[in-house]
N, C-alpha and C. Protein backbone atom coordinates (compact mmCIF):
# COMPACT_ATOMS: atom_id res chain seq x y z
N ARG A 1 -82.91 122.02 -42.98
CA ARG A 1 -81.63 122.34 -42.37
C ARG A 1 -81.85 123.12 -41.08
N LYS A 2 -82.83 124.01 -41.06
CA LYS A 2 -83.10 124.79 -39.86
C LYS A 2 -83.55 123.89 -38.70
N ALA A 3 -84.35 122.88 -39.01
CA ALA A 3 -84.80 121.96 -37.97
C ALA A 3 -83.62 121.21 -37.37
N TYR A 4 -82.72 120.75 -38.22
CA TYR A 4 -81.50 120.09 -37.73
C TYR A 4 -80.72 121.03 -36.82
N HIS A 5 -80.57 122.27 -37.25
CA HIS A 5 -79.82 123.25 -36.49
C HIS A 5 -80.45 123.45 -35.11
N THR A 6 -81.76 123.55 -35.07
CA THR A 6 -82.46 123.71 -33.80
C THR A 6 -82.23 122.50 -32.90
N LEU A 7 -82.38 121.32 -33.45
CA LEU A 7 -82.21 120.09 -32.66
C LEU A 7 -80.79 119.96 -32.10
N ILE A 8 -79.82 120.29 -32.91
CA ILE A 8 -78.43 120.05 -32.51
C ILE A 8 -77.86 121.19 -31.68
N PHE A 9 -78.07 122.43 -32.11
CA PHE A 9 -77.37 123.55 -31.50
C PHE A 9 -78.19 124.32 -30.47
N GLU A 10 -79.50 124.23 -30.54
CA GLU A 10 -80.31 124.94 -29.55
C GLU A 10 -80.78 124.01 -28.44
N ILE A 11 -81.32 122.86 -28.79
CA ILE A 11 -81.77 121.91 -27.79
C ILE A 11 -80.57 121.19 -27.15
N ARG A 12 -79.57 120.86 -27.98
CA ARG A 12 -78.30 120.25 -27.55
C ARG A 12 -78.50 118.99 -26.70
N SER A 13 -79.42 118.14 -27.11
CA SER A 13 -79.63 116.89 -26.41
C SER A 13 -78.55 115.89 -26.84
N SER A 14 -77.73 115.48 -25.90
CA SER A 14 -76.64 114.56 -26.23
C SER A 14 -77.19 113.22 -26.74
N ASP A 15 -78.34 112.79 -26.20
CA ASP A 15 -78.95 111.54 -26.69
C ASP A 15 -79.37 111.67 -28.14
N LEU A 16 -80.00 112.79 -28.46
CA LEU A 16 -80.46 113.02 -29.83
C LEU A 16 -79.27 113.12 -30.79
N ILE A 17 -78.23 113.84 -30.39
CA ILE A 17 -77.03 113.98 -31.23
C ILE A 17 -76.40 112.61 -31.45
N ALA A 18 -76.36 111.79 -30.41
CA ALA A 18 -75.79 110.44 -30.55
C ALA A 18 -76.60 109.60 -31.53
N ILE A 19 -77.92 109.69 -31.46
CA ILE A 19 -78.79 108.93 -32.37
C ILE A 19 -78.61 109.41 -33.80
N LEU A 20 -78.58 110.74 -34.00
CA LEU A 20 -78.37 111.28 -35.35
C LEU A 20 -76.99 110.89 -35.89
N GLY A 21 -75.99 110.87 -35.01
CA GLY A 21 -74.65 110.45 -35.41
C GLY A 21 -74.62 108.99 -35.85
N LYS A 22 -75.26 108.13 -35.08
CA LYS A 22 -75.32 106.71 -35.45
C LYS A 22 -76.06 106.51 -36.76
N ALA A 23 -77.15 107.27 -36.96
CA ALA A 23 -77.91 107.17 -38.21
C ALA A 23 -77.06 107.63 -39.39
N THR A 24 -76.29 108.71 -39.20
CA THR A 24 -75.42 109.21 -40.26
C THR A 24 -74.37 108.15 -40.62
N LEU A 25 -73.75 107.57 -39.61
CA LEU A 25 -72.76 106.51 -39.85
C LEU A 25 -73.39 105.32 -40.58
N SER A 26 -74.56 104.94 -40.16
CA SER A 26 -75.24 103.80 -40.77
C SER A 26 -75.57 104.05 -42.24
N ILE A 27 -76.10 105.23 -42.54
CA ILE A 27 -76.44 105.56 -43.93
C ILE A 27 -75.18 105.57 -44.79
N CYS A 28 -74.12 106.19 -44.30
CA CYS A 28 -72.87 106.25 -45.06
C CYS A 28 -72.29 104.86 -45.28
N ALA A 29 -72.39 104.00 -44.26
CA ALA A 29 -71.89 102.62 -44.41
C ALA A 29 -72.70 101.86 -45.45
N GLU A 30 -74.01 102.04 -45.44
CA GLU A 30 -74.87 101.38 -46.43
C GLU A 30 -74.52 101.84 -47.84
N LEU A 31 -74.29 103.13 -48.00
CA LEU A 31 -73.93 103.65 -49.32
C LEU A 31 -72.56 103.13 -49.77
N ALA A 32 -71.61 103.09 -48.83
CA ALA A 32 -70.26 102.63 -49.16
C ALA A 32 -70.23 101.16 -49.55
N THR A 33 -71.11 100.36 -48.96
CA THR A 33 -71.13 98.93 -49.28
C THR A 33 -72.10 98.62 -50.41
N LYS A 34 -72.63 99.67 -51.01
CA LYS A 34 -73.50 99.57 -52.19
C LYS A 34 -74.77 98.76 -51.95
N ARG A 35 -75.29 98.85 -50.73
CA ARG A 35 -76.54 98.16 -50.43
C ARG A 35 -77.75 98.98 -50.85
N VAL A 36 -77.51 100.25 -51.17
CA VAL A 36 -78.59 101.13 -51.62
C VAL A 36 -78.49 101.22 -53.14
N PRO A 37 -79.53 100.86 -53.86
CA PRO A 37 -79.45 100.94 -55.32
C PRO A 37 -79.30 102.39 -55.77
N THR A 38 -78.32 102.62 -56.64
CA THR A 38 -78.05 103.99 -57.09
C THR A 38 -78.47 104.21 -58.54
N ASP A 39 -79.18 103.24 -59.10
CA ASP A 39 -79.63 103.41 -60.48
C ASP A 39 -80.90 104.25 -60.56
N ASP A 40 -81.54 104.49 -59.42
CA ASP A 40 -82.74 105.31 -59.36
C ASP A 40 -82.33 106.71 -58.88
N PRO A 41 -82.61 107.74 -59.70
CA PRO A 41 -82.21 109.11 -59.31
C PRO A 41 -82.71 109.52 -57.92
N GLU A 42 -83.88 109.05 -57.54
CA GLU A 42 -84.40 109.41 -56.23
C GLU A 42 -83.48 108.95 -55.11
N ASN A 43 -82.87 107.79 -55.28
CA ASN A 43 -81.96 107.28 -54.26
C ASN A 43 -80.66 108.09 -54.19
N LEU A 44 -80.28 108.72 -55.30
CA LEU A 44 -79.05 109.52 -55.30
C LEU A 44 -79.19 110.79 -54.46
N CYS A 45 -80.41 111.23 -54.23
CA CYS A 45 -80.64 112.46 -53.45
C CYS A 45 -80.06 112.36 -52.04
N VAL A 46 -79.93 111.16 -51.52
CA VAL A 46 -79.41 111.00 -50.17
C VAL A 46 -77.99 111.56 -50.06
N PHE A 47 -77.22 111.51 -51.15
CA PHE A 47 -75.87 112.07 -51.12
C PHE A 47 -75.93 113.58 -50.88
N LEU A 48 -76.86 114.26 -51.53
CA LEU A 48 -77.00 115.71 -51.36
C LEU A 48 -77.41 116.05 -49.93
N VAL A 49 -78.30 115.25 -49.37
CA VAL A 49 -78.75 115.47 -48.00
C VAL A 49 -77.59 115.28 -47.02
N LEU A 50 -76.78 114.26 -47.25
CA LEU A 50 -75.66 114.00 -46.33
C LEU A 50 -74.63 115.13 -46.33
N PHE A 51 -74.39 115.74 -47.49
CA PHE A 51 -73.44 116.84 -47.52
C PHE A 51 -73.96 118.08 -46.79
N GLU A 52 -75.24 118.10 -46.46
CA GLU A 52 -75.83 119.20 -45.70
C GLU A 52 -75.99 118.86 -44.22
N ASN A 53 -75.61 117.66 -43.81
CA ASN A 53 -75.79 117.21 -42.44
C ASN A 53 -75.01 118.12 -41.48
N PRO A 54 -75.69 118.81 -40.56
CA PRO A 54 -75.00 119.71 -39.63
C PRO A 54 -73.96 119.02 -38.77
N LEU A 55 -74.11 117.73 -38.53
CA LEU A 55 -73.09 117.03 -37.75
C LEU A 55 -71.76 116.97 -38.51
N LEU A 56 -71.83 117.02 -39.83
CA LEU A 56 -70.61 117.00 -40.63
C LEU A 56 -70.09 118.41 -40.89
N LEU A 57 -70.94 119.41 -40.72
CA LEU A 57 -70.57 120.80 -40.96
C LEU A 57 -70.23 121.56 -39.68
N ALA A 58 -70.61 121.03 -38.54
CA ALA A 58 -70.48 121.75 -37.28
C ALA A 58 -69.04 122.15 -36.99
N GLU A 59 -68.89 123.34 -36.44
CA GLU A 59 -67.56 123.84 -36.10
C GLU A 59 -66.86 122.92 -35.11
N HIS A 60 -67.60 122.41 -34.15
CA HIS A 60 -67.02 121.52 -33.14
C HIS A 60 -67.44 120.08 -33.39
N ARG A 61 -67.38 119.67 -34.65
CA ARG A 61 -67.90 118.36 -35.02
C ARG A 61 -67.18 117.20 -34.35
N THR A 62 -65.89 117.34 -34.04
CA THR A 62 -65.19 116.22 -33.42
C THR A 62 -65.72 115.94 -32.02
N SER A 63 -66.12 116.97 -31.29
CA SER A 63 -66.68 116.72 -29.96
C SER A 63 -68.17 116.39 -30.04
N LEU A 64 -68.87 116.96 -31.02
CA LEU A 64 -70.29 116.66 -31.19
C LEU A 64 -70.50 115.26 -31.74
N PHE A 65 -69.69 114.90 -32.72
CA PHE A 65 -69.89 113.65 -33.47
C PHE A 65 -68.53 113.02 -33.75
N PRO A 66 -68.00 112.28 -32.77
CA PRO A 66 -66.66 111.71 -32.91
C PRO A 66 -66.47 110.81 -34.14
N GLY A 67 -67.55 110.28 -34.69
CA GLY A 67 -67.43 109.40 -35.86
C GLY A 67 -67.52 110.12 -37.19
N PHE A 68 -67.43 111.45 -37.17
CA PHE A 68 -67.64 112.19 -38.41
C PHE A 68 -66.65 111.79 -39.50
N HIS A 69 -65.40 111.51 -39.12
CA HIS A 69 -64.40 111.18 -40.14
C HIS A 69 -64.69 109.83 -40.78
N ARG A 70 -65.23 108.87 -40.02
CA ARG A 70 -65.60 107.58 -40.63
C ARG A 70 -66.77 107.76 -41.59
N ALA A 71 -67.73 108.58 -41.17
CA ALA A 71 -68.88 108.84 -42.04
C ALA A 71 -68.43 109.50 -43.34
N LEU A 72 -67.55 110.48 -43.24
CA LEU A 72 -67.08 111.17 -44.45
C LEU A 72 -66.24 110.26 -45.33
N GLN A 73 -65.42 109.43 -44.73
CA GLN A 73 -64.62 108.49 -45.52
C GLN A 73 -65.53 107.58 -46.33
N GLN A 74 -66.58 107.08 -45.70
CA GLN A 74 -67.52 106.20 -46.38
C GLN A 74 -68.35 106.95 -47.43
N LEU A 75 -68.76 108.17 -47.10
CA LEU A 75 -69.54 108.97 -48.04
C LEU A 75 -68.73 109.29 -49.30
N ILE A 76 -67.50 109.71 -49.13
CA ILE A 76 -66.64 110.04 -50.28
C ILE A 76 -66.36 108.80 -51.10
N ALA A 77 -66.06 107.68 -50.43
CA ALA A 77 -65.83 106.42 -51.16
C ALA A 77 -67.08 106.02 -51.95
N ALA A 78 -68.24 106.21 -51.35
CA ALA A 78 -69.49 105.86 -52.04
C ALA A 78 -69.72 106.73 -53.27
N VAL A 79 -69.47 108.03 -53.14
CA VAL A 79 -69.65 108.93 -54.29
C VAL A 79 -68.70 108.55 -55.41
N LEU A 80 -67.44 108.30 -55.07
CA LEU A 80 -66.45 107.99 -56.10
C LEU A 80 -66.66 106.62 -56.73
N SER A 81 -67.38 105.73 -56.04
CA SER A 81 -67.62 104.40 -56.60
C SER A 81 -68.93 104.30 -57.38
N LEU A 82 -69.68 105.41 -57.43
CA LEU A 82 -70.91 105.40 -58.22
C LEU A 82 -70.59 105.16 -59.70
N PRO A 83 -71.50 104.52 -60.41
CA PRO A 83 -71.33 104.42 -61.86
C PRO A 83 -71.22 105.83 -62.46
N LYS A 84 -70.49 105.96 -63.54
CA LYS A 84 -70.25 107.28 -64.15
C LYS A 84 -71.54 108.04 -64.44
N ASP A 85 -72.57 107.35 -64.93
CA ASP A 85 -73.84 108.04 -65.21
C ASP A 85 -74.45 108.62 -63.93
N SER A 86 -74.38 107.85 -62.85
CA SER A 86 -74.92 108.33 -61.57
C SER A 86 -74.09 109.50 -61.05
N GLN A 87 -72.77 109.43 -61.21
CA GLN A 87 -71.92 110.56 -60.80
C GLN A 87 -72.27 111.81 -61.59
N ARG A 88 -72.43 111.67 -62.90
CA ARG A 88 -72.78 112.83 -63.73
C ARG A 88 -74.10 113.46 -63.27
N LEU A 89 -75.07 112.60 -62.98
CA LEU A 89 -76.36 113.10 -62.52
C LEU A 89 -76.22 113.83 -61.18
N LEU A 90 -75.54 113.20 -60.23
CA LEU A 90 -75.35 113.78 -58.90
C LEU A 90 -74.61 115.11 -58.99
N PHE A 91 -73.51 115.15 -59.72
CA PHE A 91 -72.73 116.38 -59.83
C PHE A 91 -73.47 117.42 -60.67
N GLY A 92 -74.30 116.98 -61.59
CA GLY A 92 -75.14 117.91 -62.35
C GLY A 92 -76.12 118.62 -61.44
N TRP A 93 -76.72 117.87 -60.51
CA TRP A 93 -77.63 118.49 -59.53
C TRP A 93 -76.87 119.50 -58.69
N LEU A 94 -75.70 119.09 -58.23
CA LEU A 94 -74.90 119.95 -57.37
C LEU A 94 -74.56 121.27 -58.08
N LYS A 95 -74.31 121.19 -59.38
CA LYS A 95 -73.99 122.40 -60.14
C LYS A 95 -75.18 123.34 -60.25
N ARG A 96 -76.38 122.80 -60.21
CA ARG A 96 -77.58 123.64 -60.36
C ARG A 96 -78.11 124.19 -59.04
N LEU A 97 -77.56 123.72 -57.95
CA LEU A 97 -77.99 124.24 -56.64
C LEU A 97 -77.32 125.59 -56.37
N PRO A 98 -77.83 126.36 -55.41
CA PRO A 98 -77.19 127.64 -55.08
C PRO A 98 -75.72 127.45 -54.69
N SER A 99 -74.94 128.47 -54.94
CA SER A 99 -73.49 128.39 -54.69
C SER A 99 -73.17 128.09 -53.23
N GLU A 100 -74.04 128.48 -52.31
CA GLU A 100 -73.79 128.21 -50.89
C GLU A 100 -73.75 126.70 -50.63
N TYR A 101 -74.62 125.98 -51.32
CA TYR A 101 -74.66 124.53 -51.15
C TYR A 101 -73.38 123.91 -51.68
N PHE A 102 -72.97 124.35 -52.86
CA PHE A 102 -71.72 123.86 -53.46
C PHE A 102 -70.54 124.17 -52.52
N GLY A 103 -70.54 125.37 -51.97
CA GLY A 103 -69.48 125.77 -51.05
C GLY A 103 -69.43 124.89 -49.81
N ARG A 104 -70.58 124.52 -49.29
CA ARG A 104 -70.60 123.64 -48.11
C ARG A 104 -70.09 122.24 -48.45
N ALA A 105 -70.40 121.75 -49.63
CA ALA A 105 -69.88 120.43 -50.04
C ALA A 105 -68.35 120.49 -50.11
N VAL A 106 -67.80 121.56 -50.67
CA VAL A 106 -66.34 121.73 -50.73
C VAL A 106 -65.78 121.81 -49.31
N GLU A 107 -66.45 122.56 -48.45
CA GLU A 107 -65.99 122.72 -47.07
C GLU A 107 -65.96 121.38 -46.32
N VAL A 108 -66.97 120.57 -46.50
CA VAL A 108 -67.02 119.26 -45.84
C VAL A 108 -65.82 118.41 -46.26
N VAL A 109 -65.54 118.36 -47.56
CA VAL A 109 -64.42 117.55 -48.05
C VAL A 109 -63.09 118.14 -47.55
N GLN A 110 -62.96 119.46 -47.58
CA GLN A 110 -61.74 120.11 -47.10
C GLN A 110 -61.49 119.79 -45.62
N GLN A 111 -62.53 119.87 -44.81
CA GLN A 111 -62.38 119.59 -43.38
C GLN A 111 -61.93 118.14 -43.16
N PHE A 112 -62.46 117.24 -43.95
CA PHE A 112 -62.08 115.84 -43.82
C PHE A 112 -60.60 115.65 -44.17
N VAL A 113 -60.17 116.25 -45.27
CA VAL A 113 -58.76 116.14 -45.68
C VAL A 113 -57.86 116.69 -44.57
N SER A 114 -58.18 117.86 -44.06
CA SER A 114 -57.37 118.46 -43.00
C SER A 114 -57.31 117.58 -41.77
N PHE A 115 -58.45 117.02 -41.38
CA PHE A 115 -58.49 116.15 -40.21
C PHE A 115 -57.59 114.93 -40.40
N ILE A 116 -57.73 114.26 -41.53
CA ILE A 116 -56.95 113.05 -41.78
C ILE A 116 -55.46 113.34 -41.80
N LEU A 117 -55.07 114.45 -42.40
CA LEU A 117 -53.64 114.76 -42.56
C LEU A 117 -53.01 115.39 -41.33
N THR A 118 -53.81 115.89 -40.40
CA THR A 118 -53.22 116.57 -39.25
C THR A 118 -53.41 115.84 -37.92
N GLN A 119 -54.30 114.87 -37.86
CA GLN A 119 -54.55 114.17 -36.60
C GLN A 119 -53.74 112.88 -36.54
N PRO A 120 -53.02 112.68 -35.46
CA PRO A 120 -52.24 111.44 -35.33
C PRO A 120 -53.15 110.21 -35.33
N GLY A 121 -52.63 109.14 -35.90
CA GLY A 121 -53.35 107.86 -35.88
C GLY A 121 -54.39 107.69 -36.98
N GLN A 122 -54.52 108.66 -37.87
CA GLN A 122 -55.49 108.54 -38.96
C GLN A 122 -54.85 107.85 -40.16
N ASN A 123 -55.66 107.15 -40.93
CA ASN A 123 -55.19 106.48 -42.13
C ASN A 123 -55.05 107.52 -43.24
N ARG A 124 -53.83 107.93 -43.50
CA ARG A 124 -53.57 109.00 -44.47
C ARG A 124 -54.01 108.62 -45.89
N SER A 125 -54.14 107.34 -46.16
CA SER A 125 -54.59 106.96 -47.51
C SER A 125 -56.05 107.36 -47.75
N ASP A 126 -56.82 107.56 -46.68
CA ASP A 126 -58.20 108.03 -46.84
C ASP A 126 -58.23 109.42 -47.48
N ALA A 127 -57.14 110.18 -47.30
CA ALA A 127 -57.10 111.53 -47.87
C ALA A 127 -57.01 111.49 -49.39
N SER A 128 -56.46 110.42 -49.96
CA SER A 128 -56.31 110.34 -51.41
C SER A 128 -57.67 110.40 -52.11
N ALA A 129 -58.63 109.64 -51.61
CA ALA A 129 -59.97 109.67 -52.22
C ALA A 129 -60.59 111.05 -52.07
N ALA A 130 -60.38 111.68 -50.92
CA ALA A 130 -60.95 113.01 -50.70
C ALA A 130 -60.31 114.04 -51.63
N VAL A 131 -59.02 113.89 -51.91
CA VAL A 131 -58.37 114.81 -52.84
C VAL A 131 -58.94 114.61 -54.25
N LEU A 132 -59.22 113.37 -54.62
CA LEU A 132 -59.86 113.12 -55.92
C LEU A 132 -61.24 113.77 -55.97
N MET A 133 -61.96 113.71 -54.87
CA MET A 133 -63.27 114.35 -54.79
C MET A 133 -63.12 115.87 -54.92
N LEU A 134 -62.10 116.44 -54.25
CA LEU A 134 -61.85 117.87 -54.38
C LEU A 134 -61.53 118.24 -55.81
N ARG A 135 -60.80 117.38 -56.50
CA ARG A 135 -60.47 117.65 -57.91
C ARG A 135 -61.76 117.70 -58.74
N THR A 136 -62.66 116.78 -58.49
CA THR A 136 -63.94 116.78 -59.21
C THR A 136 -64.71 118.07 -58.91
N LEU A 137 -64.72 118.49 -57.66
CA LEU A 137 -65.40 119.72 -57.28
C LEU A 137 -64.71 120.94 -57.91
N TRP A 138 -63.38 120.91 -57.97
CA TRP A 138 -62.62 121.98 -58.63
C TRP A 138 -63.00 122.08 -60.10
N ASP A 139 -63.07 120.93 -60.77
CA ASP A 139 -63.46 120.91 -62.19
C ASP A 139 -64.86 121.47 -62.37
N MET A 140 -65.76 121.10 -61.47
CA MET A 140 -67.13 121.63 -61.53
C MET A 140 -67.12 123.14 -61.35
N ASN A 141 -66.30 123.62 -60.43
CA ASN A 141 -66.21 125.05 -60.17
C ASN A 141 -65.75 125.79 -61.44
N LYS A 142 -64.79 125.21 -62.14
CA LYS A 142 -64.32 125.83 -63.39
C LYS A 142 -65.44 125.85 -64.43
N GLU A 143 -66.21 124.76 -64.52
CA GLU A 143 -67.33 124.70 -65.46
C GLU A 143 -68.38 125.76 -65.15
N MET A 144 -68.46 126.14 -63.88
CA MET A 144 -69.45 127.13 -63.45
C MET A 144 -68.83 128.53 -63.38
N ASP A 145 -67.75 128.73 -64.12
CA ASP A 145 -67.06 130.02 -64.17
C ASP A 145 -66.57 130.49 -62.81
N GLY A 146 -66.14 129.55 -61.99
CA GLY A 146 -65.52 129.90 -60.71
C GLY A 146 -66.45 130.56 -59.72
N ILE A 147 -67.57 129.91 -59.42
CA ILE A 147 -68.50 130.50 -58.44
C ILE A 147 -67.88 130.57 -57.05
N LEU A 148 -66.90 129.71 -56.80
CA LEU A 148 -66.14 129.79 -55.56
C LEU A 148 -64.73 130.29 -55.89
N PRO A 149 -64.16 131.13 -55.05
CA PRO A 149 -62.78 131.58 -55.31
C PRO A 149 -61.80 130.42 -55.20
N GLU A 150 -60.67 130.55 -55.88
CA GLU A 150 -59.67 129.47 -55.89
C GLU A 150 -59.20 129.10 -54.50
N TRP A 151 -59.11 130.07 -53.60
CA TRP A 151 -58.58 129.78 -52.27
C TRP A 151 -59.44 128.76 -51.52
N CYS A 152 -60.71 128.60 -51.90
CA CYS A 152 -61.57 127.60 -51.25
C CYS A 152 -61.06 126.18 -51.50
N PHE A 153 -60.25 126.01 -52.52
CA PHE A 153 -59.76 124.68 -52.87
C PHE A 153 -58.33 124.45 -52.40
N HIS A 154 -57.72 125.46 -51.81
CA HIS A 154 -56.36 125.28 -51.30
C HIS A 154 -56.44 124.67 -49.90
N ASN A 155 -55.56 123.72 -49.66
CA ASN A 155 -55.52 123.07 -48.34
C ASN A 155 -54.05 122.94 -47.95
N SER A 156 -53.64 123.65 -46.93
CA SER A 156 -52.22 123.65 -46.54
C SER A 156 -51.76 122.26 -46.10
N ALA A 157 -52.66 121.45 -45.57
CA ALA A 157 -52.28 120.09 -45.16
C ALA A 157 -51.87 119.26 -46.38
N ILE A 158 -52.55 119.46 -47.51
CA ILE A 158 -52.18 118.75 -48.75
C ILE A 158 -50.82 119.26 -49.23
N SER A 159 -50.62 120.57 -49.18
CA SER A 159 -49.37 121.16 -49.65
C SER A 159 -48.17 120.63 -48.87
N GLN A 160 -48.39 120.26 -47.63
CA GLN A 160 -47.31 119.79 -46.77
C GLN A 160 -47.12 118.27 -46.83
N SER A 161 -47.94 117.58 -47.60
CA SER A 161 -47.87 116.12 -47.68
C SER A 161 -47.25 115.69 -49.01
N ASP A 162 -45.95 115.39 -48.99
CA ASP A 162 -45.25 114.98 -50.21
C ASP A 162 -45.82 113.68 -50.78
N ASP A 163 -46.17 112.73 -49.91
CA ASP A 163 -46.72 111.45 -50.37
C ASP A 163 -48.03 111.66 -51.12
N LEU A 164 -48.88 112.49 -50.57
CA LEU A 164 -50.18 112.74 -51.18
C LEU A 164 -50.03 113.48 -52.51
N GLN A 165 -49.11 114.42 -52.57
CA GLN A 165 -48.87 115.13 -53.82
C GLN A 165 -48.37 114.18 -54.90
N GLU A 166 -47.48 113.26 -54.53
CA GLU A 166 -46.97 112.29 -55.50
C GLU A 166 -48.08 111.35 -55.97
N HIS A 167 -48.90 110.88 -55.04
CA HIS A 167 -50.02 110.01 -55.41
C HIS A 167 -50.96 110.72 -56.38
N TYR A 168 -51.20 111.99 -56.13
CA TYR A 168 -52.10 112.77 -56.99
C TYR A 168 -51.49 112.92 -58.39
N ARG A 169 -50.19 113.20 -58.46
CA ARG A 169 -49.53 113.31 -59.77
C ARG A 169 -49.62 111.99 -60.55
N GLN A 170 -49.43 110.87 -59.85
CA GLN A 170 -49.55 109.56 -60.50
C GLN A 170 -50.95 109.35 -61.03
N TRP A 171 -51.94 109.73 -60.25
CA TRP A 171 -53.34 109.58 -60.68
C TRP A 171 -53.59 110.42 -61.92
N LEU A 172 -53.07 111.67 -61.94
CA LEU A 172 -53.27 112.52 -63.12
C LEU A 172 -52.65 111.89 -64.37
N ASN A 173 -51.48 111.28 -64.21
CA ASN A 173 -50.80 110.64 -65.35
C ASN A 173 -51.57 109.44 -65.87
N GLU A 174 -52.24 108.72 -64.97
CA GLU A 174 -53.02 107.55 -65.37
C GLU A 174 -54.31 107.94 -66.08
N GLU A 175 -54.82 109.12 -65.77
CA GLU A 175 -56.11 109.55 -66.31
C GLU A 175 -56.09 109.81 -67.77
């Protein structure tokens, strides 16, 4: 992570950032289209690495990496489409990592939801999958005796979206 930070924030080479951005988009697209076999635990590790990608965590990510929302949409869709056994394994790893890592994964998903719901021209239905992902992370947080405070899971953009709240209630009823 420190090497990434040095490359992106200290060297600040626009060519390098563009290449890393394209690679991030490509990996997320491959995962979303299920071209990467997920039955091997070693291959699942790429999901953990992506949630640590500084281009997705950067404060000014929209100017650094304009495609960050597409990458996150594909990453979240890929995680949610994993077979249940693979999801359990992936989320089990996440639960055993330091709380800072778990917090960054929550932050990445929260930032994506906020972006989709507040920026004009975005496909608001992409937020539904991210809210489901947040619910999974919330459940994990409860299993870990609340290592993150509840406010980390509150998102004012969700609270202001009646359509999204209704979709979420329907999903809960179906579950």
